PDB file of N, CA and C in Angstrom:
ATOM      1  N   MET A   1      23.163 -10.855   6.409  1.00  0.00           N
ATOM      2  CA  MET A   1      22.706  -9.470   6.180  1.00  0.00           C
ATOM      3  C   MET A   1      22.665  -9.177   4.644  1.00  0.00           C
ATOM      4  N   GLY A   2      22.718 -10.220   3.850  1.00  0.00           N
ATOM      5  CA  GLY A   2      22.783 -10.028   2.378  1.00  0.00           C
ATOM      6  C   GLY A   2      21.493  -9.431   1.812  1.00  0.00           C
ATOM      7  N   ASN A   3      20.374  -9.580   2.505  1.00  0.00           N
ATOM      8  CA  ASN A   3      19.107  -9.068   2.009  1.00  0.00           C
ATOM      9  C   ASN A   3      18.702  -7.724   2.496  1.00  0.00           C
ATOM     10  N   TYR A   4      19.620  -6.950   2.965  1.00  0.00           N
ATOM     11  CA  TYR A   4      19.395  -5.593   3.445  1.00  0.00           C
ATOM     12  C   TYR A   4      20.043  -4.593   2.582  1.00  0.00           C
ATOM     13  N   VAL A   5      19.435  -3.381   2.562  1.00  0.00           N
ATOM     14  CA  VAL A   5      20.041  -2.259   1.874  1.00  0.00           C
ATOM     15  C   VAL A   5      20.186  -1.088   2.815  1.00  0.00           C
ATOM     16  N   ALA A   6      21.062  -0.199   2.535  1.00  0.00           N
ATOM     17  CA  ALA A   6      21.274   1.001   3.364  1.00  0.00           C
ATOM     18  C   ALA A   6      20.372   2.120   2.819  1.00  0.00           C
ATOM     19  N   ILE A   7      19.785   2.858   3.726  1.00  0.00           N
ATOM     20  CA  ILE A   7      18.993   4.025   3.430  1.00  0.00           C
ATOM     21  C   ILE A   7      19.548   5.250   4.132  1.00  0.00           C
ATOM     22  N   ALA A   8      19.684   6.345   3.394  1.00  0.00           N
ATOM     23  CA  ALA A   8      20.237   7.548   4.012  1.00  0.00           C
ATOM     24  C   ALA A   8      19.241   8.623   4.077  1.00  0.00           C
ATOM     25  N   ALA A   9      19.335   9.431   5.057  1.00  0.00           N
ATOM     26  CA  ALA A   9      18.476  10.613   5.154  1.00  0.00           C
ATOM     27  C   ALA A   9      19.246  11.746   5.835  1.00  0.00           C
ATOM     28  N   LYS A  10      18.931  12.971   5.379  1.00  0.00           N
ATOM     29  CA  LYS A  10      19.596  14.100   6.023  1.00  0.00           C
ATOM     30  C   LYS A  10      18.728  14.686   7.073  1.00  0.00           C
ATOM     31  N   VAL A  11      19.330  14.925   8.258  1.00  0.00           N
ATOM     32  CA  VAL A  11      18.594  15.590   9.362  1.00  0.00           C
ATOM     33  C   VAL A  11      19.428  16.675   9.907  1.00  0.00           C
ATOM     34  N   SER A  12      18.800  17.587  10.592  1.00  0.00           N
ATOM     35  CA  SER A  12      19.540  18.765  11.101  1.00  0.00           C
ATOM     36  C   SER A  12      20.619  18.262  12.145  1.00  0.00           C
ATOM     37  N   ARG A  13      21.641  18.998  12.244  1.00  0.00           N
ATOM     38  CA  ARG A  13      22.722  18.664  13.187  1.00  0.00           C
ATOM     39  C   ARG A  13      22.085  18.663  14.611  1.00  0.00           C
ATOM     40  N   LYS A  14      21.240  19.604  14.893  1.00  0.00           N
ATOM     41  CA  LYS A  14      20.673  19.631  16.238  1.00  0.00           C
ATOM     42  C   LYS A  14      19.867  18.324  16.549  1.00  0.00           C
ATOM     43  N   LEU A  15      19.131  17.843  15.549  1.00  0.00           N
ATOM     44  CA  LEU A  15      18.391  16.591  15.748  1.00  0.00           C
ATOM     45  C   LEU A  15      19.392  15.431  15.944  1.00  0.00           C
ATOM     46  N   LYS A  16      20.422  15.408  15.153  1.00  0.00           N
ATOM     47  CA  LYS A  16      21.437  14.282  15.319  1.00  0.00           C
ATOM     48  C   LYS A  16      22.084  14.369  16.653  1.00  0.00           C
ATOM     49  N   ASN A  17      22.393  15.552  17.140  1.00  0.00           N
ATOM     50  CA  ASN A  17      22.999  15.673  18.450  1.00  0.00           C
ATOM     51  C   ASN A  17      22.107  15.204  19.551  1.00  0.00           C
ATOM     52  N   LEU A  18      20.792  15.489  19.410  1.00  0.00           N
ATOM     53  CA  LEU A  18      19.830  15.012  20.398  1.00  0.00           C
ATOM     54  C   LEU A  18      19.694  13.503  20.364  1.00  0.00           C
ATOM     55  N   VAL A  19      19.693  12.937  19.172  1.00  0.00           N
ATOM     56  CA  VAL A  19      19.656  11.465  19.015  1.00  0.00           C
ATOM     57  C   VAL A  19      20.859  10.857  19.722  1.00  0.00           C
ATOM     58  N   ASP A  20      22.046  11.419  19.537  1.00  0.00           N
ATOM     59  CA  ASP A  20      23.249  10.897  20.199  1.00  0.00           C
ATOM     60  C   ASP A  20      23.165  11.078  21.660  1.00  0.00           C
ATOM     61  N   GLU A  21      22.759  12.240  22.127  1.00  0.00           N
ATOM     62  CA  GLU A  21      22.690  12.572  23.541  1.00  0.00           C
ATOM     63  C   GLU A  21      21.618  11.607  24.232  1.00  0.00           C
ATOM     64  N   LEU A  22      20.563  11.347  23.619  1.00  0.00           N
ATOM     65  CA  LEU A  22      19.539  10.501  24.173  1.00  0.00           C
ATOM     66  C   LEU A  22      19.709   9.016  23.900  1.00  0.00           C
ATOM     67  N   GLU A  23      20.826   8.664  23.237  1.00  0.00           N
ATOM     68  CA  GLU A  23      21.265   7.308  22.979  1.00  0.00           C
ATOM     69  C   GLU A  23      20.074   6.515  22.287  1.00  0.00           C
ATOM     70  N   ILE A  24      19.521   7.202  21.289  1.00  0.00           N
ATOM     71  CA  ILE A  24      18.438   6.522  20.483  1.00  0.00           C
ATOM     72  C   ILE A  24      19.038   5.625  19.386  1.00  0.00           C
ATOM     73  N   LYS A  25      18.607   4.424  19.338  1.00  0.00           N
ATOM     74  CA  LYS A  25      19.050   3.547  18.306  1.00  0.00           C
ATOM     75  C   LYS A  25      18.303   3.804  17.011  1.00  0.00           C
ATOM     76  N   LEU A  26      18.878   4.484  16.122  1.00  0.00           N
ATOM     77  CA  LEU A  26      18.259   4.913  14.899  1.00  0.00           C
ATOM     78  C   LEU A  26      17.760   3.768  14.025  1.00  0.00           C
ATOM     79  N   GLY A  27      18.549   2.702  13.968  1.00  0.00           N
ATOM     80  CA  GLY A  27      18.142   1.588  13.130  1.00  0.00           C
ATOM     81  C   GLY A  27      16.773   1.050  13.437  1.00  0.00           C
ATOM     82  N   SER A  28      16.561   0.780  14.696  1.00  0.00           N
ATOM     83  CA  SER A  28      15.269   0.160  15.096  1.00  0.00           C
ATOM     84  C   SER A  28      14.154   1.172  14.979  1.00  0.00           C
ATOM     85  N   VAL A  29      14.432   2.424  15.239  1.00  0.00           N
ATOM     86  CA  VAL A  29      13.356   3.529  15.055  1.00  0.00           C
ATOM     87  C   VAL A  29      12.986   3.655  13.581  1.00  0.00           C
ATOM     88  N   ILE A  30      13.942   3.671  12.755  1.00  0.00           N
ATOM     89  CA  ILE A  30      13.658   3.817  11.336  1.00  0.00           C
ATOM     90  C   ILE A  30      12.995   2.607  10.719  1.00  0.00           C
ATOM     91  N   ARG A  31      13.424   1.377  11.155  1.00  0.00           N
ATOM     92  CA  ARG A  31      12.755   0.149  10.644  1.00  0.00           C
ATOM     93  C   ARG A  31      11.296   0.195  11.059  1.00  0.00           C
ATOM     94  N   LYS A  32      11.040   0.509  12.353  1.00  0.00           N
ATOM     95  CA  LYS A  32       9.649   0.496  12.868  1.00  0.00           C
ATOM     96  C   LYS A  32       8.779   1.534  12.159  1.00  0.00           C
ATOM     97  N   ALA A  33       9.329   2.719  11.968  1.00  0.00           N
ATOM     98  CA  ALA A  33       8.594   3.791  11.240  1.00  0.00           C
ATOM     99  C   ALA A  33       8.304   3.392   9.828  1.00  0.00           C
ATOM    100  N   LEU A  34       9.249   2.851   9.144  1.00  0.00           N
ATOM    101  CA  LEU A  34       9.068   2.468   7.728  1.00  0.00           C
ATOM    102  C   LEU A  34       8.001   1.330   7.592  1.00  0.00           C
ATOM    103  N   LYS A  35       8.135   0.321   8.519  1.00  0.00           N
ATOM    104  CA  LYS A  35       7.149  -0.749   8.479  1.00  0.00           C
ATOM    105  C   LYS A  35       5.731  -0.247   8.702  1.00  0.00           C
ATOM    106  N   GLU A  36       5.560   0.699   9.624  1.00  0.00           N
ATOM    107  CA  GLU A  36       4.236   1.253   9.905  1.00  0.00           C
ATOM    108  C   GLU A  36       3.743   2.099   8.702  1.00  0.00           C
ATOM    109  N   GLU A  37       4.598   2.832   8.107  1.00  0.00           N
ATOM    110  CA  GLU A  37       4.182   3.652   6.911  1.00  0.00           C
ATOM    111  C   GLU A  37       3.778   2.737   5.753  1.00  0.00           C
ATOM    112  N   VAL A  38       4.594   1.719   5.558  1.00  0.00           N
ATOM    113  CA  VAL A  38       4.306   0.768   4.450  1.00  0.00           C
ATOM    114  C   VAL A  38       2.939   0.145   4.671  1.00  0.00           C
ATOM    115  N   ARG A  39       2.647  -0.277   5.937  1.00  0.00           N
ATOM    116  CA  ARG A  39       1.469  -0.918   6.363  1.00  0.00           C
ATOM    117  C   ARG A  39       0.262   0.042   6.070  1.00  0.00           C
ATOM    118  N   ARG A  40       0.387   1.307   6.471  1.00  0.00           N
ATOM    119  CA  ARG A  40      -0.653   2.253   6.267  1.00  0.00           C
ATOM    120  C   ARG A  40      -0.957   2.495   4.802  1.00  0.00           C
ATOM    121  N   LYS A  41       0.124   2.676   4.029  1.00  0.00           N
ATOM    122  CA  LYS A  41      -0.070   2.897   2.578  1.00  0.00           C
ATOM    123  C   LYS A  41      -0.656   1.692   1.890  1.00  0.00           C
ATOM    124  N   ALA A  42      -0.297   0.465   2.324  1.00  0.00           N
ATOM    125  CA  ALA A  42      -0.827  -0.724   1.699  1.00  0.00           C
ATOM    126  C   ALA A  42      -2.329  -0.872   1.998  1.00  0.00           C
ATOM    127  N   ILE A  43      -2.695  -0.581   3.208  1.00  0.00           N
ATOM    128  CA  ILE A  43      -4.112  -0.613   3.585  1.00  0.00           C
ATOM    129  C   ILE A  43      -4.898   0.468   2.784  1.00  0.00           C
ATOM    130  N   ARG A  44      -4.327   1.640   2.740  1.00  0.00           N
ATOM    131  CA  ARG A  44      -5.037   2.699   1.984  1.00  0.00           C
ATOM    132  C   ARG A  44      -5.218   2.257   0.437  1.00  0.00           C
ATOM    133  N   LYS A  45      -4.211   1.710  -0.077  1.00  0.00           N
ATOM    134  CA  LYS A  45      -4.262   1.239  -1.471  1.00  0.00           C
ATOM    135  C   LYS A  45      -5.340   0.123  -1.669  1.00  0.00           C
ATOM    136  N   LEU A  46      -5.375  -0.847  -0.727  1.00  0.00           N
ATOM    137  CA  LEU A  46      -6.420  -1.846  -0.761  1.00  0.00           C
ATOM    138  C   LEU A  46      -7.720  -1.307  -0.585  1.00  0.00           C
ATOM    139  N   GLU A  47      -7.910  -0.336   0.277  1.00  0.00           N
ATOM    140  CA  GLU A  47      -9.238   0.291   0.450  1.00  0.00           C
ATOM    141  C   GLU A  47      -9.722   0.960  -0.829  1.00  0.00           C
ATOM    142  N   GLU A  48      -8.799   1.695  -1.473  1.00  0.00           N
ATOM    143  CA  GLU A  48      -9.214   2.359  -2.710  1.00  0.00           C
ATOM    144  C   GLU A  48      -9.517   1.302  -3.763  1.00  0.00           C
ATOM    145  N   ARG A  49      -8.750   0.234  -3.855  1.00  0.00           N
ATOM    146  CA  ARG A  49      -9.099  -0.773  -4.817  1.00  0.00           C
ATOM    147  C   ARG A  49     -10.467  -1.422  -4.554  1.00  0.00           C
ATOM    148  N   ALA A  50     -10.713  -1.678  -3.279  1.00  0.00           N
ATOM    149  CA  ALA A  50     -12.028  -2.311  -2.900  1.00  0.00           C
ATOM    150  C   ALA A  50     -13.156  -1.336  -3.208  1.00  0.00           C
ATOM    151  N   LYS A  51     -12.931  -0.041  -2.977  1.00  0.00           N
ATOM    152  CA  LYS A  51     -13.980   0.946  -3.277  1.00  0.00           C
ATOM    153  C   LYS A  51     -14.280   0.934  -4.788  1.00  0.00           C
ATOM    154  N   LYS A  52     -13.252   0.901  -5.596  1.00  0.00           N
ATOM    155  CA  LYS A  52     -13.448   0.880  -7.069  1.00  0.00           C
ATOM    156  C   LYS A  52     -14.175  -0.424  -7.493  1.00  0.00           C
ATOM    157  N   LEU A  53     -13.842  -1.532  -6.870  1.00  0.00           N
ATOM    158  CA  LEU A  53     -14.551  -2.777  -7.241  1.00  0.00           C
ATOM    159  C   LEU A  53     -16.022  -2.709  -6.811  1.00  0.00           C
ATOM    160  N   LEU A  54     -16.255  -2.174  -5.624  1.00  0.00           N
ATOM    161  CA  LEU A  54     -17.655  -2.033  -5.167  1.00  0.00           C
ATOM    162  C   LEU A  54     -18.449  -1.219  -6.067  1.00  0.00           C
ATOM    163  N   GLU A  55     -17.841  -0.123  -6.619  1.00  0.00           N
ATOM    164  CA  GLU A  55     -18.508   0.769  -7.493  1.00  0.00           C
ATOM    165  C   GLU A  55     -19.007   0.017  -8.792  1.00  0.00           C
ATOM    166  N   ARG A  56     -18.247  -1.022  -9.157  1.00  0.00           N
ATOM    167  CA  ARG A  56     -18.566  -1.723 -10.374  1.00  0.00           C
ATOM    168  C   ARG A  56     -19.678  -2.770 -10.187  1.00  0.00           C
ATOM    169  N   LEU A  57     -19.921  -3.132  -8.989  1.00  0.00           N
ATOM    170  CA  LEU A  57     -20.982  -4.134  -8.664  1.00  0.00           C
ATOM    171  C   LEU A  57     -22.293  -3.508  -8.745  1.00  0.00           C
ATOM    172  N   PRO A  58     -23.282  -4.235  -9.303  1.00  0.00           N
ATOM    173  CA  PRO A  58     -24.643  -3.714  -9.381  1.00  0.00           C
ATOM    174  C   PRO A  58     -25.222  -3.655  -7.972  1.00  0.00           C
ATOM    175  N   GLU A  59     -26.059  -2.599  -7.747  1.00  0.00           N
ATOM    176  CA  GLU A  59     -26.694  -2.474  -6.468  1.00  0.00           C
ATOM    177  C   GLU A  59     -27.922  -3.383  -6.374  1.00  0.00           C
ATOM    178  N   ILE A  60     -27.993  -4.158  -5.347  1.00  0.00           N
ATOM    179  CA  ILE A  60     -29.060  -5.112  -5.230  1.00  0.00           C
ATOM    180  C   ILE A  60     -29.937  -4.585  -4.009  1.00  0.00           C
ATOM    181  N   PRO A  61     -31.262  -4.387  -4.269  1.00  0.00           N
ATOM    182  CA  PRO A  61     -32.190  -3.915  -3.248  1.00  0.00           C
ATOM    183  C   PRO A  61     -32.272  -4.917  -2.080  1.00  0.00           C
ATOM    184  N   ASP A  62     -32.488  -4.389  -0.897  1.00  0.00           N
ATOM    185  CA  ASP A  62     -32.478  -5.313   0.307  1.00  0.00           C
ATOM    186  C   ASP A  62     -33.605  -6.366   0.141  1.00  0.00           C
ATOM    187  N   GLY A  63     -34.754  -6.003  -0.423  1.00  0.00           N
ATOM    188  CA  GLY A  63     -35.847  -6.999  -0.588  1.00  0.00           C
ATOM    189  C   GLY A  63     -35.440  -8.139  -1.477  1.00  0.00           C
ATOM    190  N   GLU A  64     -34.660  -7.852  -2.434  1.00  0.00           N
ATOM    191  CA  GLU A  64     -34.176  -8.875  -3.421  1.00  0.00           C
ATOM    192  C   GLU A  64     -33.254  -9.909  -2.671  1.00  0.00           C
ATOM    193  N   ILE A  65     -32.428  -9.402  -1.824  1.00  0.00           N
ATOM    194  CA  ILE A  65     -31.558 -10.231  -1.072  1.00  0.00           C
ATOM    195  C   ILE A  65     -32.387 -11.195  -0.212  1.00  0.00           C
ATOM    196  N   ALA A  66     -33.346 -10.642   0.505  1.00  0.00           N
ATOM    197  CA  ALA A  66     -34.157 -11.474   1.365  1.00  0.00           C
ATOM    198  C   ALA A  66     -34.922 -12.521   0.516  1.00  0.00           C
ATOM    199  N   LYS A  67     -35.391 -12.159  -0.586  1.00  0.00           N
ATOM    200  CA  LYS A  67     -36.151 -13.046  -1.543  1.00  0.00           C
ATOM    201  C   LYS A  67     -35.207 -14.220  -1.923  1.00  0.00           C
ATOM    202  N   LEU A  68     -33.967 -13.892  -2.341  1.00  0.00           N
ATOM    203  CA  LEU A  68     -33.031 -14.923  -2.708  1.00  0.00           C
ATOM    204  C   LEU A  68     -32.707 -15.912  -1.573  1.00  0.00           C
ATOM    205  N   ILE A  69     -32.578 -15.361  -0.352  1.00  0.00           N
ATOM    206  CA  ILE A  69     -32.306 -16.200   0.750  1.00  0.00           C
ATOM    207  C   ILE A  69     -33.475 -17.165   1.078  1.00  0.00           C
ATOM    208  N   ARG A  70     -34.713 -16.579   0.966  1.00  0.00           N
ATOM    209  CA  ARG A  70     -35.844 -17.463   1.218  1.00  0.00           C
ATOM    210  C   ARG A  70     -35.964 -18.574   0.168  1.00  0.00           C
ATOM    211  N   GLU A  71     -35.713 -18.230  -1.072  1.00  0.00           N
ATOM    212  CA  GLU A  71     -35.800 -19.222  -2.165  1.00  0.00           C
ATOM    213  C   GLU A  71     -34.697 -20.303  -1.941  1.00  0.00           C
ATOM    214  N   ASP A  72     -33.589 -19.896  -1.507  1.00  0.00           N
ATOM    215  CA  ASP A  72     -32.533 -20.834  -1.311  1.00  0.00           C
ATOM    216  C   ASP A  72     -32.829 -21.789  -0.112  1.00  0.00           C
ATOM    217  N   ARG A  73     -33.480 -21.261   0.905  1.00  0.00           N
ATOM    218  CA  ARG A  73     -33.812 -22.095   2.071  1.00  0.00           C
ATOM    219  C   ARG A  73     -34.952 -23.119   1.711  1.00  0.00           C
ATOM    220  N   GLU A  74     -35.817 -22.707   0.808  1.00  0.00           N
ATOM    221  CA  GLU A  74     -36.851 -23.634   0.396  1.00  0.00           C
ATOM    222  C   GLU A  74     -36.412 -24.761  -0.436  1.00  0.00           C
ATOM    223  N   ARG A  75     -35.230 -24.712  -0.927  1.00  0.00           N
ATOM    224  CA  ARG A  75     -34.686 -25.811  -1.797  1.00  0.00           C
ATOM    225  C   ARG A  75     -34.275 -26.991  -1.042  1.00  0.00           C
TER     226      ARG A  75
END
């Protein structure tokens, strides 16, 4: 367990009582929620980066792409 850290959060007493009453295992719930949030944020960050990179690329007309493909096939 040396590669783990503790994370604390304050919740209402009512919520904590419900968690206890329903026998919810907080550790697994928190880990799952954090993993999902990290995944969503990482994807969003990658999408933003890809969008910025695409904006920097020159726009190539469709006809030009077809022309380049034909020329390549003829070689």
